[in-house]
C-alpha atoms as a PDB file:
ATOM      1  CA  MET A   1     -19.290 -75.115  90.641  1.00  0.00           C
ATOM      2  CA  ARG A   2     -16.369 -74.924  88.211  1.00  0.00           C
ATOM      3  CA  VAL A   3     -14.589 -71.568  88.414  1.00  0.00           C
ATOM      4  CA  LEU A   4     -13.063 -69.810  85.438  1.00  0.00           C
ATOM      5  CA  HIS A   5     -10.032 -67.661  86.069  1.00  0.00           C
ATOM      6  CA  GLY A   6     -10.514 -64.433  84.152  1.00  0.00           C
ATOM      7  CA  TRP A   7     -10.695 -60.822  85.250  1.00  0.00           C
ATOM      8  CA  GLY A   8     -11.975 -57.562  83.812  1.00  0.00           C
ATOM      9  CA  ARG A   9      -9.992 -54.531  82.819  1.00  0.00           C
ATOM     10  CA  PHE A  10      -9.793 -53.140  86.337  1.00  0.00           C
ATOM     11  CA  GLY A  11      -8.764 -56.310  88.133  1.00  0.00           C
ATOM     12  CA  GLY A  12     -12.305 -57.387  88.976  1.00  0.00           C
ATOM     13  CA  VAL A  13     -15.453 -58.711  87.328  1.00  0.00           C
ATOM     14  CA  THR A  14     -16.697 -56.393  84.575  1.00  0.00           C
ATOM     15  CA  ASP A  15     -20.419 -55.646  84.392  1.00  0.00           C
ATOM     16  CA  LEU A  16     -22.425 -57.537  81.807  1.00  0.00           C
ATOM     17  CA  ALA A  17     -23.924 -55.414  79.043  1.00  0.00           C
ATOM     18  CA  PRO A  18     -27.616 -55.670  78.067  1.00  0.00           C
ATOM     19  CA  HIS A  19     -26.808 -57.453  74.789  1.00  0.00           C
ATOM     20  CA  GLU A  20     -24.870 -60.068  76.778  1.00  0.00           C
ATOM     21  CA  LEU A  21     -27.804 -60.580  79.117  1.00  0.00           C
ATOM     22  CA  ARG A  22     -30.089 -61.085  76.104  1.00  0.00           C
ATOM     23  CA  VAL A  23     -27.778 -63.765  74.748  1.00  0.00           C
ATOM     24  CA  LEU A  24     -27.746 -65.617  78.078  1.00  0.00           C
ATOM     25  CA  ALA A  25     -31.552 -65.462  78.335  1.00  0.00           C
ATOM     26  CA  ALA A  26     -31.973 -66.658  74.742  1.00  0.00           C
ATOM     27  CA  VAL A  27     -29.596 -69.618  75.160  1.00  0.00           C
ATOM     28  CA  ASP A  28     -31.423 -70.639  78.322  1.00  0.00           C
ATOM     29  CA  GLN A  29     -34.818 -70.400  76.642  1.00  0.00           C
ATOM     30  CA  GLU A  30     -33.777 -72.225  73.481  1.00  0.00           C
ATOM     31  CA  ARG A  31     -31.386 -74.679  75.197  1.00  0.00           C
ATOM     32  CA  SER A  32     -29.218 -74.289  72.106  1.00  0.00           C
ATOM     33  CA  PHE A  33     -26.558 -71.856  70.913  1.00  0.00           C
ATOM     34  CA  THR A  34     -27.710 -72.284  67.312  1.00  0.00           C
ATOM     35  CA  ALA A  35     -31.389 -71.670  68.080  1.00  0.00           C
ATOM     36  CA  ALA A  36     -30.494 -68.684  70.273  1.00  0.00           C
ATOM     37  CA  ALA A  37     -28.468 -67.252  67.409  1.00  0.00           C
ATOM     38  CA  ALA A  38     -31.433 -67.588  65.044  1.00  0.00           C
ATOM     39  CA  ARG A  39     -33.729 -65.985  67.600  1.00  0.00           C
ATOM     40  CA  LEU A  40     -31.407 -62.995  68.021  1.00  0.00           C
ATOM     41  CA  ASP A  41     -30.392 -62.772  64.339  1.00  0.00           C
ATOM     42  CA  LEU A  42     -26.751 -63.486  65.205  1.00  0.00           C
ATOM     43  CA  THR A  43     -24.250 -66.089  64.107  1.00  0.00           C
ATOM     44  CA  GLN A  44     -23.693 -69.176  66.237  1.00  0.00           C
ATOM     45  CA  SER A  45     -20.046 -68.186  66.711  1.00  0.00           C
ATOM     46  CA  ALA A  46     -21.104 -64.742  67.985  1.00  0.00           C
ATOM     47  CA  VAL A  47     -23.390 -66.342  70.571  1.00  0.00           C
ATOM     48  CA  SER A  48     -20.654 -68.780  71.654  1.00  0.00           C
ATOM     49  CA  HIS A  49     -18.153 -65.943  71.958  1.00  0.00           C
ATOM     50  CA  THR A  50     -20.576 -63.826  74.009  1.00  0.00           C
ATOM     51  CA  VAL A  51     -21.276 -66.687  76.419  1.00  0.00           C
ATOM     52  CA  ARG A  52     -17.548 -67.304  76.892  1.00  0.00           C
ATOM     53  CA  VAL A  53     -16.996 -63.609  77.605  1.00  0.00           C
ATOM     54  CA  CYS A  54     -19.832 -63.624  80.142  1.00  0.00           C
ATOM     55  CA  GLU A  55     -18.394 -66.683  81.858  1.00  0.00           C
ATOM     56  CA  ARG A  56     -14.976 -65.033  82.091  1.00  0.00           C
ATOM     57  CA  LYS A  57     -16.525 -61.912  83.575  1.00  0.00           C
ATOM     58  CA  LEU A  58     -18.560 -63.925  86.070  1.00  0.00           C
ATOM     59  CA  GLY A  59     -15.816 -66.394  86.906  1.00  0.00           C
ATOM     60  CA  ALA A  60     -18.195 -69.338  86.570  1.00  0.00           C
ATOM     61  CA  VAL A  61     -19.533 -71.711  83.924  1.00  0.00           C
ATOM     62  CA  VAL A  62     -23.076 -70.660  82.956  1.00  0.00           C
ATOM     63  CA  PHE A  63     -23.949 -73.425  80.474  1.00  0.00           C
ATOM     64  CA  GLU A  64     -22.878 -77.022  80.138  1.00  0.00           C
ATOM     65  CA  ARG A  65     -22.409 -77.839  76.467  1.00  0.00           C
ATOM     66  CA  GLY A  66     -23.131 -81.301  75.120  1.00  0.00           C
ATOM     67  CA  ARG A  67     -24.767 -83.378  72.439  1.00  0.00           C
ATOM     68  CA  TYR A  68     -28.191 -82.435  73.805  1.00  0.00           C
ATOM     69  CA  GLY A  69     -27.560 -78.693  73.569  1.00  0.00           C
ATOM     70  CA  ALA A  70     -26.859 -76.156  76.308  1.00  0.00           C
ATOM     71  CA  ARG A  71     -28.119 -76.589  79.869  1.00  0.00           C
ATOM     72  CA  PRO A  72     -27.625 -74.045  82.658  1.00  0.00           C
ATOM     73  CA  THR A  73     -25.412 -75.042  85.549  1.00  0.00           C
ATOM     74  CA  ALA A  74     -26.517 -74.325  89.114  1.00  0.00           C
ATOM     75  CA  ALA A  75     -24.663 -71.018  88.866  1.00  0.00           C
ATOM     76  CA  GLY A  76     -26.149 -70.472  85.414  1.00  0.00           C
ATOM     77  CA  GLU A  77     -29.714 -70.787  86.690  1.00  0.00           C
ATOM     78  CA  ARG A  78     -29.085 -67.914  89.082  1.00  0.00           C
ATOM     79  CA  VAL A  79     -27.299 -65.849  86.461  1.00  0.00           C
ATOM     80  CA  VAL A  80     -30.083 -66.252  83.901  1.00  0.00           C
ATOM     81  CA  ALA A  81     -32.778 -65.445  86.471  1.00  0.00           C
ATOM     82  CA  HIS A  82     -31.005 -62.186  87.292  1.00  0.00           C
ATOM     83  CA  ALA A  83     -30.493 -61.502  83.587  1.00  0.00           C
ATOM     84  CA  ARG A  84     -34.219 -61.799  82.878  1.00  0.00           C
ATOM     85  CA  GLN A  85     -35.122 -59.564  85.812  1.00  0.00           C
ATOM     86  CA  ILE A  86     -32.623 -56.885  84.736  1.00  0.00           C
ATOM     87  CA  LEU A  87     -33.810 -56.980  81.137  1.00  0.00           C
ATOM     88  CA  ARG A  88     -37.400 -56.598  82.279  1.00  0.00           C
ATOM     89  CA  LEU A  89     -36.508 -53.532  84.342  1.00  0.00           C
ATOM     90  CA  LEU A  90     -34.637 -52.063  81.377  1.00  0.00           C
ATOM     91  CA  GLU A  91     -37.753 -52.586  79.225  1.00  0.00           C
ATOM     92  CA  SER A  92     -39.896 -50.645  81.694  1.00  0.00           C
ATOM     93  CA  MET A  93     -37.353 -47.863  82.305  1.00  0.00           C
ATOM     94  CA  GLY A  94     -38.501 -45.671  79.408  1.00  0.00           C
ATOM     95  CA  ALA A  95     -42.168 -45.775  80.348  1.00  0.00           C
ATOM     96  CA  GLU A  96     -41.358 -45.091  84.000  1.00  0.00           C
ATOM     97  CA  ALA A  97     -39.186 -42.100  83.057  1.00  0.00           C
ATOM     98  CA  ARG A  98     -41.819 -40.629  80.725  1.00  0.00           C
ATOM     99  CA  ALA A  99     -44.512 -40.956  83.401  1.00  0.00           C
ATOM    100  CA  ALA A 100     -42.444 -39.281  86.121  1.00  0.00           C
ATOM    101  CA  GLY A 101     -43.753 -35.867  87.097  1.00  0.00           C
ATOM    102  CA  ARG A 102     -46.905 -36.040  84.995  1.00  0.00           C
ATOM    103  CA  GLU A 103     -50.231 -35.369  86.650  1.00  0.00           C
ATOM    104  CA  GLU A 104     -51.883 -37.892  84.330  1.00  0.00           C
ATOM    105  CA  PRO A 105     -49.312 -40.413  83.094  1.00  0.00           C
ATOM    106  CA  ALA A 106     -49.809 -41.829  79.625  1.00  0.00           C
ATOM    107  CA  ALA A 107     -51.569 -45.155  79.155  1.00  0.00           C
ATOM    108  CA  LEU A 108     -49.385 -48.204  79.630  1.00  0.00           C
ATOM    109  CA  SER A 109     -48.262 -50.335  76.729  1.00  0.00           C
ATOM    110  CA  GLY A 110     -46.192 -53.434  76.175  1.00  0.00           C
ATOM    111  CA  PRO A 111     -46.171 -56.885  77.780  1.00  0.00           C
ATOM    112  CA  LEU A 112     -47.245 -57.738  81.317  1.00  0.00           C
ATOM    113  CA  ARG A 113     -46.165 -61.249  82.252  1.00  0.00           C
ATOM    114  CA  ILE A 114     -48.335 -63.116  84.764  1.00  0.00           C
ATOM    115  CA  ALA A 115     -47.971 -66.625  86.175  1.00  0.00           C
ATOM    116  CA  ALA A 116     -51.075 -68.210  87.713  1.00  0.00           C
ATOM    117  CA  PHE A 117     -52.400 -71.619  88.664  1.00  0.00           C
ATOM    118  CA  ARG A 118     -55.249 -72.890  86.489  1.00  0.00           C
ATOM    119  CA  SER A 119     -58.330 -71.876  88.477  1.00  0.00           C
ATOM    120  CA  ALA A 120     -56.924 -68.406  89.206  1.00  0.00           C
ATOM    121  CA  ALA A 121     -56.188 -67.927  85.512  1.00  0.00           C
ATOM    122  CA  ALA A 122     -59.701 -69.095  84.635  1.00  0.00           C
ATOM    123  CA  HIS A 123     -61.792 -67.299  87.271  1.00  0.00           C
ATOM    124  CA  LEU A 124     -59.797 -64.568  89.039  1.00  0.00           C
ATOM    125  CA  LEU A 125     -57.769 -62.973  86.243  1.00  0.00           C
ATOM    126  CA  PRO A 126     -60.368 -62.412  83.461  1.00  0.00           C
ATOM    127  CA  PRO A 127     -62.282 -59.535  85.148  1.00  0.00           C
ATOM    128  CA  VAL A 128     -58.983 -58.083  86.384  1.00  0.00           C
ATOM    129  CA  LEU A 129     -57.437 -58.053  82.917  1.00  0.00           C
ATOM    130  CA  GLU A 130     -60.647 -56.837  81.282  1.00  0.00           C
ATOM    131  CA  ARG A 131     -60.655 -53.689  83.435  1.00  0.00           C
ATOM    132  CA  LEU A 132     -56.907 -53.228  83.211  1.00  0.00           C
ATOM    133  CA  THR A 133     -56.784 -53.386  79.413  1.00  0.00           C
ATOM    134  CA  ALA A 134     -59.870 -51.169  79.118  1.00  0.00           C
ATOM    135  CA  ARG A 135     -57.869 -48.406  80.814  1.00  0.00           C
ATOM    136  CA  HIS A 136     -54.612 -49.335  79.079  1.00  0.00           C
ATOM    137  CA  PRO A 137     -55.450 -50.701  75.592  1.00  0.00           C
ATOM    138  CA  GLY A 138     -51.783 -50.933  74.655  1.00  0.00           C
ATOM    139  CA  LEU A 139     -51.023 -53.323  77.480  1.00  0.00           C
ATOM    140  CA  THR A 140     -50.629 -56.963  76.393  1.00  0.00           C
ATOM    141  CA  PRO A 141     -51.005 -59.396  79.312  1.00  0.00           C
ATOM    142  CA  GLN A 142     -49.251 -62.732  78.877  1.00  0.00           C
ATOM    143  CA  VAL A 143     -50.664 -65.386  81.224  1.00  0.00           C
ATOM    144  CA  ARG A 144     -48.642 -68.514  81.886  1.00  0.00           C
ATOM    145  CA  ILE A 145     -50.430 -71.354  83.711  1.00  0.00           C
ATOM    146  CA  VAL A 146     -48.149 -73.055  86.230  1.00  0.00           C
ATOM    147  CA  ARG A 147     -48.986 -75.845  88.639  1.00  0.00           C
ATOM    148  CA  GLU A 148     -48.676 -74.971  92.325  1.00  0.00           C
ATOM    149  CA  ILE A 149     -46.213 -77.760  93.061  1.00  0.00           C
ATOM    150  CA  ASP A 150     -42.619 -77.338  94.284  1.00  0.00           C
ATOM    151  CA  ARG A 151     -41.655 -73.719  93.475  1.00  0.00           C
ATOM    152  CA  GLY A 152     -44.966 -73.140  91.714  1.00  0.00           C
ATOM    153  CA  THR A 153     -45.976 -69.765  90.305  1.00  0.00           C
ATOM    154  CA  ALA A 154     -43.624 -67.872  92.644  1.00  0.00           C
ATOM    155  CA  GLY A 155     -40.714 -69.691  91.043  1.00  0.00           C
ATOM    156  CA  GLU A 156     -41.614 -68.088  87.708  1.00  0.00           C
ATOM    157  CA  VAL A 157     -41.083 -64.657  89.274  1.00  0.00           C
ATOM    158  CA  ALA A 158     -37.851 -65.735  90.952  1.00  0.00           C
ATOM    159  CA  ASP A 159     -36.580 -67.048  87.610  1.00  0.00           C
ATOM    160  CA  GLY A 160     -37.450 -63.809  85.808  1.00  0.00           C
ATOM    161  CA  ARG A 161     -40.172 -65.371  83.624  1.00  0.00           C
ATOM    162  CA  ALA A 162     -43.068 -63.467  85.210  1.00  0.00           C
ATOM    163  CA  ASP A 163     -43.575 -59.945  86.537  1.00  0.00           C
ATOM    164  CA  LEU A 164     -46.204 -61.110  89.029  1.00  0.00           C
ATOM    165  CA  ALA A 165     -47.567 -64.469  90.126  1.00  0.00           C
ATOM    166  CA  ILE A 166     -50.951 -65.399  91.558  1.00  0.00           C
ATOM    167  CA  ALA A 167     -50.055 -67.905  94.261  1.00  0.00           C
ATOM    168  CA  THR A 168     -51.597 -69.973  97.023  1.00  0.00           C
ATOM    169  CA  LEU A 169     -50.350 -68.862 100.431  1.00  0.00           C
ATOM    170  CA  SER A 170     -50.629 -70.663 103.723  1.00  0.00           C
ATOM    171  CA  GLU A 171     -48.825 -71.514 106.910  1.00  0.00           C
ATOM    172  CA  GLY A 172     -45.841 -73.630 105.976  1.00  0.00           C
ATOM    173  CA  SER A 173     -45.697 -72.592 102.319  1.00  0.00           C
ATOM    174  CA  VAL A 174     -42.229 -71.669 101.105  1.00  0.00           C
ATOM    175  CA  THR A 175     -41.582 -68.786  98.709  1.00  0.00           C
ATOM    176  CA  PRO A 176     -38.193 -68.280  97.036  1.00  0.00           C
ATOM    177  CA  PRO A 177     -36.173 -65.708  99.027  1.00  0.00           C
ATOM    178  CA  GLY A 178     -36.032 -62.057  98.034  1.00  0.00           C
ATOM    179  CA  LEU A 179     -39.607 -61.803  96.741  1.00  0.00           C
ATOM    180  CA  LEU A 180     -42.453 -59.568  97.873  1.00  0.00           C
ATOM    181  CA  VAL A 181     -45.525 -61.569  98.956  1.00  0.00           C
ATOM    182  CA  SER A 182     -48.961 -60.156  99.768  1.00  0.00           C
ATOM    183  CA  GLU A 183     -52.220 -61.941 100.529  1.00  0.00           C
ATOM    184  CA  LEU A 184     -55.339 -60.753  98.696  1.00  0.00           C
ATOM    185  CA  TYR A 185     -57.967 -62.842 100.487  1.00  0.00           C
ATOM    186  CA  ARG A 186     -58.675 -66.238 102.002  1.00  0.00           C
ATOM    187  CA  GLU A 187     -60.985 -68.753 100.376  1.00  0.00           C
ATOM    188  CA  THR A 188     -62.932 -71.607 101.914  1.00  0.00           C
ATOM    189  CA  TYR A 189     -62.996 -75.258 100.916  1.00  0.00           C
ATOM    190  CA  ALA A 190     -66.310 -77.042 100.373  1.00  0.00           C
ATOM    191  CA  LEU A 191     -67.578 -80.466  99.368  1.00  0.00           C
ATOM    192  CA  ALA A 192     -68.398 -81.086  95.702  1.00  0.00           C
ATOM    193  CA  HIS A 193     -70.575 -84.110  94.940  1.00  0.00           C
ATOM    194  CA  PRO A 194     -73.122 -85.333  92.387  1.00  0.00           C
ATOM    195  CA  VAL A 195     -76.490 -83.606  92.580  1.00  0.00           C
ATOM    196  CA  GLY A 196     -79.112 -85.632  94.416  1.00  0.00           C
ATOM    197  CA  HIS A 197     -76.809 -88.175  96.035  1.00  0.00           C
ATOM    198  CA  PRO A 198     -78.367 -89.226  99.383  1.00  0.00           C
ATOM    199  CA  ASP A 199     -75.057 -89.595 101.291  1.00  0.00           C
ATOM    200  CA  PRO A 200     -72.201 -87.906  99.405  1.00  0.00           C
ATOM    201  CA  ARG A 201     -69.716 -88.401 102.258  1.00  0.00           C
ATOM    202  CA  ARG A 202     -69.718 -92.114 101.524  1.00  0.00           C
ATOM    203  CA  LEU A 203     -68.602 -91.627  97.936  1.00  0.00           C
ATOM    204  CA  PRO A 204     -65.035 -92.353  96.799  1.00  0.00           C
ATOM    205  CA  LEU A 205     -62.698 -89.384  97.076  1.00  0.00           C
ATOM    206  CA  ILE A 206     -61.270 -87.791  93.910  1.00  0.00           C
ATOM    207  CA  ASP A 207     -58.309 -85.489  94.387  1.00  0.00           C
ATOM    208  CA  TRP A 208     -55.595 -83.719  92.382  1.00  0.00           C
ATOM    209  CA  GLN A 209     -51.911 -83.244  93.002  1.00  0.00           C
ATOM    210  CA  GLU A 210     -52.003 -79.519  93.745  1.00  0.00           C
ATOM    211  CA  ASN A 211     -54.770 -79.862  96.317  1.00  0.00           C
ATOM    212  CA  CYS A 212     -54.535 -80.240 100.074  1.00  0.00           C
ATOM    213  CA  GLY A 213     -50.862 -79.708 100.626  1.00  0.00           C
ATOM    214  CA  SER A 214     -49.889 -77.708 103.678  1.00  0.00           C
ATOM    215  CA  TYR A 215     -53.141 -75.693 103.360  1.00  0.00           C
ATOM    216  CA  THR A 216     -55.457 -78.367 104.735  1.00  0.00           C
ATOM    217  CA  ARG A 217     -53.233 -81.168 106.035  1.00  0.00           C
ATOM    218  CA  ARG A 218     -54.180 -80.829 109.701  1.00  0.00           C
ATOM    219  CA  TRP A 219     -57.888 -80.492 108.975  1.00  0.00           C
ATOM    220  CA  TRP A 220     -57.726 -83.396 106.525  1.00  0.00           C
ATOM    221  CA  ALA A 221     -56.095 -85.682 109.121  1.00  0.00           C
ATOM    222  CA  GLU A 222     -58.897 -84.997 111.617  1.00  0.00           C
ATOM    223  CA  GLN A 223     -61.715 -86.077 109.265  1.00  0.00           C
ATOM    224  CA  ASP A 224     -62.440 -89.752 109.901  1.00  0.00           C
ATOM    225  CA  TRP A 225     -65.056 -89.762 107.113  1.00  0.00           C
ATOM    226  CA  LEU A 226     -62.522 -88.828 104.402  1.00  0.00           C
ATOM    227  CA  PRO A 227     -61.065 -91.936 102.745  1.00  0.00           C
ATOM    228  CA  PRO A 228     -57.783 -92.044 100.826  1.00  0.00           C
ATOM    229  CA  ALA A 229     -58.155 -90.753  97.288  1.00  0.00           C
ATOM    230  CA  THR A 230     -59.473 -93.363  94.875  1.00  0.00           C
ATOM    231  CA  VAL A 231     -58.498 -91.296  91.830  1.00  0.00           C
ATOM    232  CA  THR A 232     -55.793 -88.611  91.647  1.00  0.00           C
ATOM    233  CA  ALA A 233     -55.714 -86.308  88.625  1.00  0.00           C
ATOM    234  CA  GLU A 234     -53.315 -83.579  87.557  1.00  0.00           C
ATOM    235  CA  ASP A 235     -55.990 -80.931  87.034  1.00  0.00           C
ATOM    236  CA  ASP A 236     -58.884 -79.760  89.192  1.00  0.00           C
ATOM    237  CA  SER A 237     -61.152 -79.333  86.168  1.00  0.00           C
ATOM    238  CA  VAL A 238     -60.745 -83.069  85.478  1.00  0.00           C
ATOM    239  CA  VAL A 239     -61.709 -83.787  89.082  1.00  0.00           C
ATOM    240  CA  LEU A 240     -64.911 -81.737  88.750  1.00  0.00           C
ATOM    241  CA  SER A 241     -65.794 -83.485  85.517  1.00  0.00           C
ATOM    242  CA  MET A 242     -65.429 -86.870  87.242  1.00  0.00           C
ATOM    243  CA  VAL A 243     -67.584 -85.720  90.153  1.00  0.00           C
ATOM    244  CA  ALA A 244     -70.253 -84.475  87.734  1.00  0.00           C
ATOM    245  CA  GLN A 245     -70.283 -87.954  86.161  1.00  0.00           C
ATOM    246  CA  GLY A 246     -71.042 -89.484  89.559  1.00  0.00           C
ATOM    247  CA  MET A 247     -67.615 -91.062  90.118  1.00  0.00           C
ATOM    248  CA  GLY A 248     -67.091 -89.598  93.584  1.00  0.00           C
ATOM    249  CA  MET A 249     -66.755 -86.497  95.736  1.00  0.00           C
ATOM    250  CA  ALA A 250     -64.034 -83.861  96.076  1.00  0.00           C
ATOM    251  CA  VAL A 251     -62.950 -81.334  98.700  1.00  0.00           C
ATOM    252  CA  ALA A 252     -62.147 -78.187  96.744  1.00  0.00           C
ATOM    253  CA  PRO A 253     -61.565 -74.438  97.248  1.00  0.00           C
ATOM    254  CA  GLU A 254     -63.766 -71.639  95.927  1.00  0.00           C
ATOM    255  CA  LEU A 255     -61.742 -70.828  92.810  1.00  0.00           C
ATOM    256  CA  THR A 256     -62.013 -74.429  91.679  1.00  0.00           C
ATOM    257  CA  LEU A 257     -65.721 -74.598  92.478  1.00  0.00           C
ATOM    258  CA  ALA A 258     -66.383 -71.424  90.497  1.00  0.00           C
ATOM    259  CA  GLY A 259     -65.985 -73.619  87.433  1.00  0.00           C
ATOM    260  CA  ALA A 260     -68.165 -76.484  88.625  1.00  0.00           C
ATOM    261  CA  PRO A 261     -70.223 -77.940  85.733  1.00  0.00           C
ATOM    262  CA  ALA A 262     -73.889 -78.872  85.845  1.00  0.00           C
ATOM    263  CA  GLY A 263     -74.460 -82.028  87.822  1.00  0.00           C
ATOM    264  CA  ILE A 264     -72.397 -80.927  90.820  1.00  0.00           C
ATOM    265  CA  ALA A 265     -73.799 -79.836  94.163  1.00  0.00           C
ATOM    266  CA  VAL A 266     -71.605 -77.800  96.526  1.00  0.00           C
ATOM    267  CA  THR A 267     -72.179 -77.957 100.279  1.00  0.00           C
ATOM    268  CA  ASP A 268     -70.210 -76.535 103.163  1.00  0.00           C
ATOM    269  CA  LEU A 269     -67.926 -78.485 105.476  1.00  0.00           C
ATOM    270  CA  GLY A 270     -69.254 -77.266 108.809  1.00  0.00           C
ATOM    271  CA  PRO A 271     -68.305 -74.407 111.116  1.00  0.00           C
ATOM    272  CA  HIS A 272     -64.510 -74.759 110.763  1.00  0.00           C
ATOM    273  CA  PRO A 273     -63.712 -75.620 107.147  1.00  0.00           C
ATOM    274  CA  PRO A 274     -60.183 -75.508 105.798  1.00  0.00           C
ATOM    275  CA  THR A 275     -59.090 -72.317 104.067  1.00  0.00           C
ATOM    276  CA  ARG A 276     -56.171 -71.139 101.971  1.00  0.00           C
ATOM    277  CA  GLY A 277     -54.752 -67.746 101.113  1.00  0.00           C
ATOM    278  CA  ILE A 278     -54.724 -66.345  97.597  1.00  0.00           C
ATOM    279  CA  GLY A 279     -52.120 -63.680  96.989  1.00  0.00           C
ATOM    280  CA  TYR A 280     -49.571 -62.255  94.623  1.00  0.00           C
ATOM    281  CA  VAL A 281     -45.803 -62.507  94.426  1.00  0.00           C
ATOM    282  CA  THR A 282     -43.438 -60.119  92.663  1.00  0.00           C
ATOM    283  CA  THR A 283     -39.954 -58.690  93.113  1.00  0.00           C
ATOM    284  CA  PRO A 284     -39.372 -55.520  95.154  1.00  0.00           C
ATOM    285  CA  ALA A 285     -38.065 -53.785  92.008  1.00  0.00           C
ATOM    286  CA  LEU A 286     -41.001 -54.764  89.789  1.00  0.00           C
ATOM    287  CA  ALA A 287     -43.475 -53.853  92.543  1.00  0.00           C
ATOM    288  CA  GLY A 288     -42.540 -50.238  91.906  1.00  0.00           C
ATOM    289  CA  THR A 289     -43.292 -50.306  88.181  1.00  0.00           C
ATOM    290  CA  ARG A 290     -46.550 -48.815  86.919  1.00  0.00           C
ATOM    291  CA  ALA A 291     -47.751 -51.946  85.166  1.00  0.00           C
ATOM    292  CA  VAL A 292     -47.444 -54.119  88.273  1.00  0.00           C
ATOM    293  CA  ARG A 293     -48.930 -51.403  90.501  1.00  0.00           C
ATOM    294  CA  GLU A 294     -51.940 -51.120  88.200  1.00  0.00           C
ATOM    295  CA  LEU A 295     -52.375 -54.882  88.115  1.00  0.00           C
ATOM    296  CA  VAL A 296     -52.244 -55.100  91.913  1.00  0.00           C
ATOM    297  CA  ARG A 297     -54.840 -52.320  92.195  1.00  0.00           C
ATOM    298  CA  GLU A 298     -57.249 -54.265  89.993  1.00  0.00           C
ATOM    299  CA  LEU A 299     -56.560 -57.492  91.886  1.00  0.00           C
ATOM    300  CA  ARG A 300     -57.456 -55.786  95.156  1.00  0.00           C
ATOM    301  CA  ALA A 301     -60.611 -54.277  93.609  1.00  0.00           C
ATOM    302  CA  VAL A 302     -61.796 -57.675  92.389  1.00  0.00           C
ATOM    303  CA  ARG A 303     -61.066 -59.126  95.802  1.00  0.00           C
ATOM    304  CA  ARG A 304     -63.476 -56.627  97.389  1.00  0.00           C
ATOM    305  CA  GLU A 305     -66.178 -57.396  94.820  1.00  0.00           C
ATOM    306  CA  ARG A 306     -65.736 -61.171  94.892  1.00  0.00           C
ATOM    307  CA  PRO A 307     -69.187 -62.851  95.112  1.00  0.00           C
ATOM    308  CA  PRO A 308     -69.781 -65.967  97.254  1.00  0.00           C
ATOM    309  CA  VAL A 309     -69.769 -69.340  95.572  1.00  0.00           C
ATOM    310  CA  PRO A 310     -73.407 -70.506  95.737  1.00  0.00           C
ATOM    311  CA  ASP A 311     -74.465 -73.913  96.935  1.00  0.00           C
ATOM    312  CA  ARG A 312     -76.628 -75.499  94.211  1.00  0.00           C
ATOM    313  CA  SER A 313     -79.275 -76.213  96.853  1.00  0.00           C
ATOM    314  CA  GLY A 314     -79.620 -72.450  97.411  1.00  0.00           C
ATOM    315  CA  GLU A 315     -77.413 -71.797 100.463  1.00  0.00           C
ATOM    316  CA  PRO A 316     -74.096 -69.952 100.255  1.00  0.00           C
ATOM    317  CA  VAL A 317     -70.989 -71.992 100.951  1.00  0.00           C
ATOM    318  CA  ARG A 318     -69.578 -69.380 103.339  1.00  0.00           C
END
């Protein structure tokens, strides 16, 4: 990390002001000083000057400048993540202050940023957001679909892009440090295969990149009937479509199977099937805000009401 030698008025680093944080977040999002200036209705020179001032205050280079625009340094990635988190807390400060001391706080309004993997966004969030926005019509949920690979949805919270993430949790999963993690429920894996196939376990295996990481690795290794994947897709909905067309079988969790199209049968995997945890991730600071608290309450309510995924032959998977 390249260090810049510059000190604030009192011999130490001076705090960054909110308008400086907004400039840093805009440059990171746009990857360009010029585009950030247009976004903020500033001149390009004003944005450049603000970034230089921030770097002097911080004592580190935040953005590398080049012919391809502006890219955050390793230090810059941390700085911008903190900037987004602080700006989000500043946005919620007014509503939190107005609600303090009231017996019946006013309805919530404004954005609520959620990161979720595809099947959670498709099948878990809709009833949650329907009930939440019915009670708070001014609330505007913004759902970002993120693949559960590497840092996954939790990384969106750590980077300040989401207030809360719906994440897969299991033994061995790694969450960025400093975040609050809570499991909502555990879901079971089952076998998806074409309807009417006489011996689905002999079909080719179709898998996707997010599936069967640390959640099911030990169980997977013990199954001598499971072949290596013949086809690997990037999306579980693509996998289900292939299974429905008779191309093979898939081992999938409940949230994925909730979207199974016609032509797919779902049967259980015996007395000890693999499972994975479904939970939420947020920051300790955001966990105390009304919007996140209300969202968590609805998530827990939906968890209690969650119906079993039916087997198409009439037996429940669980």
